[in-house]
Structures are given as structure tokens and as C-alpha cells.
Amino acid sequence: MQLNDPFGRVSRNNQRAYTALRQRLRQEGVGDAAAVARVRKNIARTALRIAAIGLGVLLCLIWAFPQSRGPLAALGVLALAWFAVNYLLTSTYLRRYLREECEQADEGRSAQ
């Protein structure tokens, strides 16, 4: 039992999310390090675009409603934190996929 996750809910949710990502990557035919690197690059590019669009929308809203600057900024920071956490989790899952799936595939090919 871990003190920061006494009932195992977080670890179960993380495992479920990783399993879903692993199945999706397998369906897409991602099976080597180069393909994982392409996926990571694509995700980073998409994340940067979404963050830029979100920042632009937030700045426009702050400009349009200056009396609501505080709450809008707080919502922007909250959204950015949520987005960053999801991006980092996805990056962690991709590293795990690379370590577990791609290295096993490489070992299987070299043994033959």
C-alpha cells in the first residue's frame, strides 16, 4: 500500500490509460523507435499549437472583458496546468511503450 495512493485508484487509472494508448499505437502500426519518435514529435507540435491557440483566445477574452481579468487568468492557469499534466503523462506513456514494446520487438528480431 502506498501512502499517496492507498486504494490504488490512481495506478489503476494510469494503467487503463496506458493500455488504451498501447492498443491504439499497435493499431496504427507503431512498433519501432523511429515510429515512436514521429508520434512524440507530432504530439509536441500539436500541443504547441493548442497552447498557442488557447493563449490567443485567453488574451482576446481578457481584452474583451477587462473587468473579468482575474477569473479569466485563473481559468487560463488551470487549463494550462491540466494540459501540461496530460502532455507529460502521454510523454511518460510513450517512453514506457518504447521501453516495453519496442525493445522487446528488437530483442525478438535479434534472437532470430
N, C-alpha and C. Protein backbone atom coordinates (compact mmCIF):
# COMPACT_ATOMS: atom_id res chain seq x y z
N MET A 1 0.84 -1.17 0.00
CA MET A 1 0.00 0.00 0.00
C MET A 1 0.89 1.24 0.00
N GLN A 2 0.57 2.18 -0.88
CA GLN A 2 1.31 3.42 -0.95
C GLN A 2 0.52 4.52 -0.25
N LEU A 3 1.24 5.40 0.42
CA LEU A 3 0.56 6.45 1.15
C LEU A 3 -0.10 7.48 0.23
N ASN A 4 0.47 7.73 -0.95
CA ASN A 4 -0.12 8.71 -1.85
C ASN A 4 -1.22 8.11 -2.74
N ASP A 5 -1.40 6.81 -2.70
CA ASP A 5 -2.46 6.13 -3.46
C ASP A 5 -2.92 4.90 -2.68
N PRO A 6 -3.57 5.11 -1.52
CA PRO A 6 -3.85 3.97 -0.63
C PRO A 6 -4.79 2.92 -1.22
N PHE A 7 -5.69 3.30 -2.11
CA PHE A 7 -6.63 2.33 -2.65
C PHE A 7 -6.30 1.91 -4.08
N GLY A 8 -5.20 2.42 -4.60
CA GLY A 8 -4.75 2.02 -5.93
C GLY A 8 -5.54 2.62 -7.08
N ARG A 9 -6.34 3.64 -6.83
CA ARG A 9 -7.17 4.22 -7.89
C ARG A 9 -6.32 4.90 -8.96
N VAL A 10 -5.35 5.66 -8.53
CA VAL A 10 -4.51 6.39 -9.49
C VAL A 10 -3.72 5.41 -10.36
N SER A 11 -3.16 4.39 -9.75
CA SER A 11 -2.38 3.43 -10.53
C SER A 11 -3.28 2.64 -11.49
N ARG A 12 -4.51 2.32 -11.08
CA ARG A 12 -5.44 1.64 -11.99
C ARG A 12 -5.81 2.54 -13.16
N ASN A 13 -6.07 3.81 -12.88
CA ASN A 13 -6.40 4.74 -13.97
C ASN A 13 -5.22 4.92 -14.91
N ASN A 14 -4.02 5.03 -14.36
CA ASN A 14 -2.82 5.15 -15.21
C ASN A 14 -2.62 3.92 -16.07
N GLN A 15 -2.83 2.74 -15.49
CA GLN A 15 -2.68 1.50 -16.25
C GLN A 15 -3.72 1.41 -17.35
N ARG A 16 -4.94 1.81 -17.05
CA ARG A 16 -6.01 1.79 -18.05
C ARG A 16 -5.69 2.75 -19.20
N ALA A 17 -5.20 3.95 -18.88
CA ALA A 17 -4.85 4.92 -19.91
C ALA A 17 -3.68 4.42 -20.76
N TYR A 18 -2.67 3.82 -20.12
CA TYR A 18 -1.53 3.29 -20.86
C TYR A 18 -1.97 2.16 -21.78
N THR A 19 -2.84 1.28 -21.29
CA THR A 19 -3.31 0.15 -22.10
C THR A 19 -4.06 0.66 -23.33
N ALA A 20 -4.88 1.68 -23.15
CA ALA A 20 -5.61 2.25 -24.29
C ALA A 20 -4.64 2.86 -25.30
N LEU A 21 -3.64 3.58 -24.83
CA LEU A 21 -2.64 4.16 -25.73
C LEU A 21 -1.85 3.07 -26.44
N ARG A 22 -1.47 2.03 -25.71
CA ARG A 22 -0.70 0.93 -26.31
C ARG A 22 -1.51 0.25 -27.42
N GLN A 23 -2.79 0.01 -27.17
CA GLN A 23 -3.63 -0.62 -28.19
C GLN A 23 -3.76 0.27 -29.42
N ARG A 24 -3.92 1.57 -29.18
CA ARG A 24 -4.04 2.50 -30.31
C ARG A 24 -2.74 2.55 -31.12
N LEU A 25 -1.61 2.56 -30.44
CA LEU A 25 -0.33 2.58 -31.16
C LEU A 25 -0.13 1.30 -31.96
N ARG A 26 -0.52 0.17 -31.39
CA ARG A 26 -0.41 -1.10 -32.13
C ARG A 26 -1.31 -1.09 -33.35
N GLN A 27 -2.54 -0.55 -33.21
CA GLN A 27 -3.46 -0.47 -34.35
C GLN A 27 -2.88 0.40 -35.46
N GLU A 28 -2.17 1.43 -35.08
CA GLU A 28 -1.58 2.35 -36.05
C GLU A 28 -0.27 1.82 -36.63
N GLY A 29 0.21 0.70 -36.10
CA GLY A 29 1.43 0.10 -36.63
C GLY A 29 2.71 0.70 -36.10
N VAL A 30 2.64 1.32 -34.94
CA VAL A 30 3.83 1.91 -34.33
C VAL A 30 4.54 0.80 -33.57
N GLY A 31 5.70 0.39 -34.09
CA GLY A 31 6.36 -0.74 -33.48
C GLY A 31 7.87 -0.60 -33.33
N ASP A 32 8.41 0.54 -33.73
CA ASP A 32 9.85 0.73 -33.58
C ASP A 32 10.13 2.13 -33.04
N ALA A 33 11.39 2.35 -32.71
CA ALA A 33 11.79 3.61 -32.07
C ALA A 33 11.56 4.81 -32.99
N ALA A 34 11.77 4.64 -34.27
CA ALA A 34 11.59 5.76 -35.20
C ALA A 34 10.12 6.16 -35.27
N ALA A 35 9.22 5.19 -35.27
CA ALA A 35 7.79 5.49 -35.31
C ALA A 35 7.34 6.18 -34.02
N VAL A 36 7.87 5.74 -32.89
CA VAL A 36 7.54 6.39 -31.61
C VAL A 36 8.07 7.82 -31.61
N ALA A 37 9.25 8.04 -32.16
CA ALA A 37 9.81 9.39 -32.24
C ALA A 37 8.93 10.29 -33.11
N ARG A 38 8.39 9.75 -34.20
CA ARG A 38 7.48 10.53 -35.03
C ARG A 38 6.20 10.88 -34.28
N VAL A 39 5.69 9.93 -33.53
CA VAL A 39 4.47 10.19 -32.74
C VAL A 39 4.75 11.26 -31.70
N ARG A 40 5.88 11.17 -31.01
CA ARG A 40 6.23 12.17 -29.99
C ARG A 40 6.38 13.55 -30.62
N LYS A 41 7.00 13.62 -31.78
CA LYS A 41 7.17 14.90 -32.46
C LYS A 41 5.82 15.47 -32.86
N ASN A 42 4.93 14.63 -33.36
CA ASN A 42 3.60 15.06 -33.76
C ASN A 42 2.81 15.56 -32.55
N ILE A 43 2.92 14.86 -31.43
CA ILE A 43 2.21 15.27 -30.22
C ILE A 43 2.75 16.59 -29.71
N ALA A 44 4.06 16.76 -29.74
CA ALA A 44 4.66 18.02 -29.28
C ALA A 44 4.21 19.18 -30.17
N ARG A 45 4.18 18.98 -31.47
CA ARG A 45 3.75 20.02 -32.39
C ARG A 45 2.28 20.38 -32.15
N THR A 46 1.45 19.37 -31.98
CA THR A 46 0.03 19.61 -31.71
C THR A 46 -0.17 20.32 -30.38
N ALA A 47 0.59 19.93 -29.37
CA ALA A 47 0.48 20.57 -28.06
C ALA A 47 0.87 22.03 -28.14
N LEU A 48 1.91 22.33 -28.88
CA LEU A 48 2.33 23.72 -29.03
C LEU A 48 1.26 24.54 -29.74
N ARG A 49 0.66 23.99 -30.76
CA ARG A 49 -0.42 24.69 -31.48
C ARG A 49 -1.62 24.94 -30.57
N ILE A 50 -2.02 23.93 -29.84
CA ILE A 50 -3.18 24.08 -28.95
C ILE A 50 -2.89 25.11 -27.87
N ALA A 51 -1.69 25.08 -27.31
CA ALA A 51 -1.33 26.06 -26.27
C ALA A 51 -1.33 27.47 -26.85
N ALA A 52 -0.83 27.65 -28.06
CA ALA A 52 -0.80 28.98 -28.67
C ALA A 52 -2.22 29.47 -28.96
N ILE A 53 -3.07 28.60 -29.46
CA ILE A 53 -4.46 28.98 -29.72
C ILE A 53 -5.17 29.32 -28.42
N GLY A 54 -4.96 28.49 -27.40
CA GLY A 54 -5.58 28.75 -26.10
C GLY A 54 -5.13 30.06 -25.49
N LEU A 55 -3.85 30.35 -25.61
CA LEU A 55 -3.33 31.62 -25.10
C LEU A 55 -3.92 32.80 -25.88
N GLY A 56 -4.04 32.64 -27.18
CA GLY A 56 -4.65 33.69 -28.00
C GLY A 56 -6.10 33.95 -27.62
N VAL A 57 -6.85 32.88 -27.43
CA VAL A 57 -8.25 33.02 -27.01
C VAL A 57 -8.33 33.68 -25.64
N LEU A 58 -7.48 33.26 -24.73
CA LEU A 58 -7.48 33.84 -23.39
C LEU A 58 -7.16 35.33 -23.44
N LEU A 59 -6.16 35.72 -24.21
CA LEU A 59 -5.81 37.13 -24.32
C LEU A 59 -6.94 37.94 -24.94
N CYS A 60 -7.61 37.38 -25.94
CA CYS A 60 -8.76 38.07 -26.54
C CYS A 60 -9.89 38.23 -25.54
N LEU A 61 -10.14 37.20 -24.74
CA LEU A 61 -11.19 37.31 -23.73
C LEU A 61 -10.84 38.34 -22.66
N ILE A 62 -9.58 38.37 -22.26
CA ILE A 62 -9.14 39.36 -21.27
C ILE A 62 -9.27 40.76 -21.85
N TRP A 63 -8.94 40.92 -23.13
CA TRP A 63 -9.08 42.22 -23.77
C TRP A 63 -10.55 42.62 -23.88
N ALA A 64 -11.43 41.66 -24.23
CA ALA A 64 -12.85 41.95 -24.41
C ALA A 64 -13.57 42.20 -23.08
N PHE A 65 -13.12 41.53 -22.03
CA PHE A 65 -13.78 41.65 -20.72
C PHE A 65 -12.74 42.00 -19.66
N PRO A 66 -12.26 43.24 -19.65
CA PRO A 66 -11.20 43.61 -18.70
C PRO A 66 -11.62 43.52 -17.23
N GLN A 67 -12.90 43.65 -16.94
CA GLN A 67 -13.35 43.55 -15.56
C GLN A 67 -13.26 42.11 -15.03
N SER A 68 -13.16 41.15 -15.91
CA SER A 68 -13.06 39.74 -15.51
C SER A 68 -11.64 39.20 -15.68
N ARG A 69 -10.67 40.06 -15.65
CA ARG A 69 -9.28 39.67 -15.88
C ARG A 69 -8.80 38.61 -14.89
N GLY A 70 -9.11 38.78 -13.62
CA GLY A 70 -8.66 37.84 -12.59
C GLY A 70 -9.20 36.43 -12.78
N PRO A 71 -10.54 36.29 -12.84
CA PRO A 71 -11.08 34.93 -13.04
C PRO A 71 -10.63 34.29 -14.35
N LEU A 72 -10.55 35.10 -15.42
CA LEU A 72 -10.10 34.53 -16.70
C LEU A 72 -8.65 34.07 -16.62
N ALA A 73 -7.82 34.83 -15.96
CA ALA A 73 -6.42 34.43 -15.79
C ALA A 73 -6.32 33.16 -14.96
N ALA A 74 -7.14 33.07 -13.91
CA ALA A 74 -7.14 31.87 -13.07
C ALA A 74 -7.58 30.65 -13.88
N LEU A 75 -8.62 30.80 -14.69
CA LEU A 75 -9.07 29.70 -15.54
C LEU A 75 -8.00 29.33 -16.57
N GLY A 76 -7.30 30.33 -17.08
CA GLY A 76 -6.22 30.06 -18.03
C GLY A 76 -5.09 29.27 -17.41
N VAL A 77 -4.72 29.65 -16.20
CA VAL A 77 -3.66 28.92 -15.50
C VAL A 77 -4.10 27.50 -15.20
N LEU A 78 -5.35 27.33 -14.78
CA LEU A 78 -5.88 25.99 -14.50
C LEU A 78 -5.89 25.13 -15.77
N ALA A 79 -6.33 25.71 -16.87
CA ALA A 79 -6.36 24.97 -18.14
C ALA A 79 -4.94 24.61 -18.58
N LEU A 80 -4.01 25.53 -18.42
CA LEU A 80 -2.62 25.26 -18.79
C LEU A 80 -2.03 24.15 -17.93
N ALA A 81 -2.33 24.16 -16.64
CA ALA A 81 -1.84 23.10 -15.75
C ALA A 81 -2.43 21.75 -16.15
N TRP A 82 -3.72 21.70 -16.44
CA TRP A 82 -4.37 20.45 -16.86
C TRP A 82 -3.74 19.95 -18.15
N PHE A 83 -3.54 20.86 -19.08
CA PHE A 83 -2.95 20.50 -20.36
C PHE A 83 -1.53 19.97 -20.19
N ALA A 84 -0.75 20.65 -19.36
CA ALA A 84 0.64 20.23 -19.13
C ALA A 84 0.70 18.85 -18.48
N VAL A 85 -0.16 18.59 -17.51
CA VAL A 85 -0.18 17.28 -16.86
C VAL A 85 -0.51 16.18 -17.86
N ASN A 86 -1.50 16.42 -18.70
CA ASN A 86 -1.86 15.41 -19.70
C ASN A 86 -0.75 15.20 -20.72
N TYR A 87 -0.09 16.27 -21.13
CA TYR A 87 1.02 16.14 -22.07
C TYR A 87 2.16 15.33 -21.44
N LEU A 88 2.49 15.63 -20.19
CA LEU A 88 3.58 14.91 -19.52
C LEU A 88 3.22 13.44 -19.30
N LEU A 89 1.96 13.15 -18.95
CA LEU A 89 1.55 11.75 -18.80
C LEU A 89 1.65 11.00 -20.13
N THR A 90 1.21 11.63 -21.20
CA THR A 90 1.30 10.99 -22.51
C THR A 90 2.75 10.74 -22.89
N SER A 91 3.61 11.70 -22.60
CA SER A 91 5.03 11.53 -22.87
C SER A 91 5.61 10.37 -22.06
N THR A 92 5.19 10.28 -20.81
CA THR A 92 5.63 9.17 -19.95
C THR A 92 5.15 7.83 -20.50
N TYR A 93 3.91 7.77 -20.96
CA TYR A 93 3.38 6.54 -21.53
C TYR A 93 4.11 6.15 -22.81
N LEU A 94 4.47 7.14 -23.62
CA LEU A 94 5.22 6.84 -24.84
C LEU A 94 6.62 6.31 -24.53
N ARG A 95 7.27 6.88 -23.51
CA ARG A 95 8.58 6.34 -23.10
C ARG A 95 8.44 4.90 -22.61
N ARG A 96 7.37 4.62 -21.86
CA ARG A 96 7.13 3.27 -21.37
C ARG A 96 6.87 2.32 -22.54
N TYR A 97 6.08 2.77 -23.51
CA TYR A 97 5.81 1.94 -24.69
C TYR A 97 7.11 1.65 -25.43
N LEU A 98 7.95 2.66 -25.58
CA LEU A 98 9.23 2.48 -26.25
C LEU A 98 10.08 1.46 -25.50
N ARG A 99 10.11 1.57 -24.19
CA ARG A 99 10.92 0.68 -23.36
C ARG A 99 10.38 -0.75 -23.39
N GLU A 100 9.06 -0.91 -23.23
CA GLU A 100 8.49 -2.25 -23.10
C GLU A 100 8.24 -2.93 -24.44
N GLU A 101 7.59 -2.24 -25.34
CA GLU A 101 7.15 -2.87 -26.59
C GLU A 101 8.24 -2.87 -27.66
N CYS A 102 8.86 -1.73 -27.86
CA CYS A 102 9.82 -1.62 -28.96
C CYS A 102 11.11 -2.37 -28.66
N GLU A 103 11.58 -2.31 -27.43
CA GLU A 103 12.80 -3.03 -27.08
C GLU A 103 12.56 -4.53 -27.11
N GLN A 104 11.36 -4.99 -26.72
CA GLN A 104 11.06 -6.42 -26.79
C GLN A 104 11.02 -6.86 -28.25
N ALA A 105 10.47 -6.02 -29.12
CA ALA A 105 10.43 -6.37 -30.54
C ALA A 105 11.85 -6.42 -31.12
N ASP A 106 12.71 -5.50 -30.70
CA ASP A 106 14.09 -5.51 -31.17
C ASP A 106 14.83 -6.75 -30.69
N GLU A 107 14.59 -7.13 -29.43
CA GLU A 107 15.23 -8.33 -28.88
C GLU A 107 14.74 -9.58 -29.60
N GLY A 108 13.45 -9.62 -29.95
CA GLY A 108 12.90 -10.76 -30.68
C GLY A 108 13.49 -10.89 -32.06
N ARG A 109 13.71 -9.77 -32.72
CA ARG A 109 14.30 -9.80 -34.06
C ARG A 109 15.76 -10.21 -34.02
N SER A 110 16.49 -9.75 -33.00
CA SER A 110 17.92 -10.08 -32.93
C SER A 110 18.13 -11.54 -32.52
N ALA A 111 17.17 -12.15 -31.83
CA ALA A 111 17.31 -13.53 -31.41
C ALA A 111 17.08 -14.49 -32.60
N GLN A 112 16.40 -14.01 -33.63
CA GLN A 112 16.10 -14.89 -34.76
C GLN A 112 17.21 -14.98 -35.69
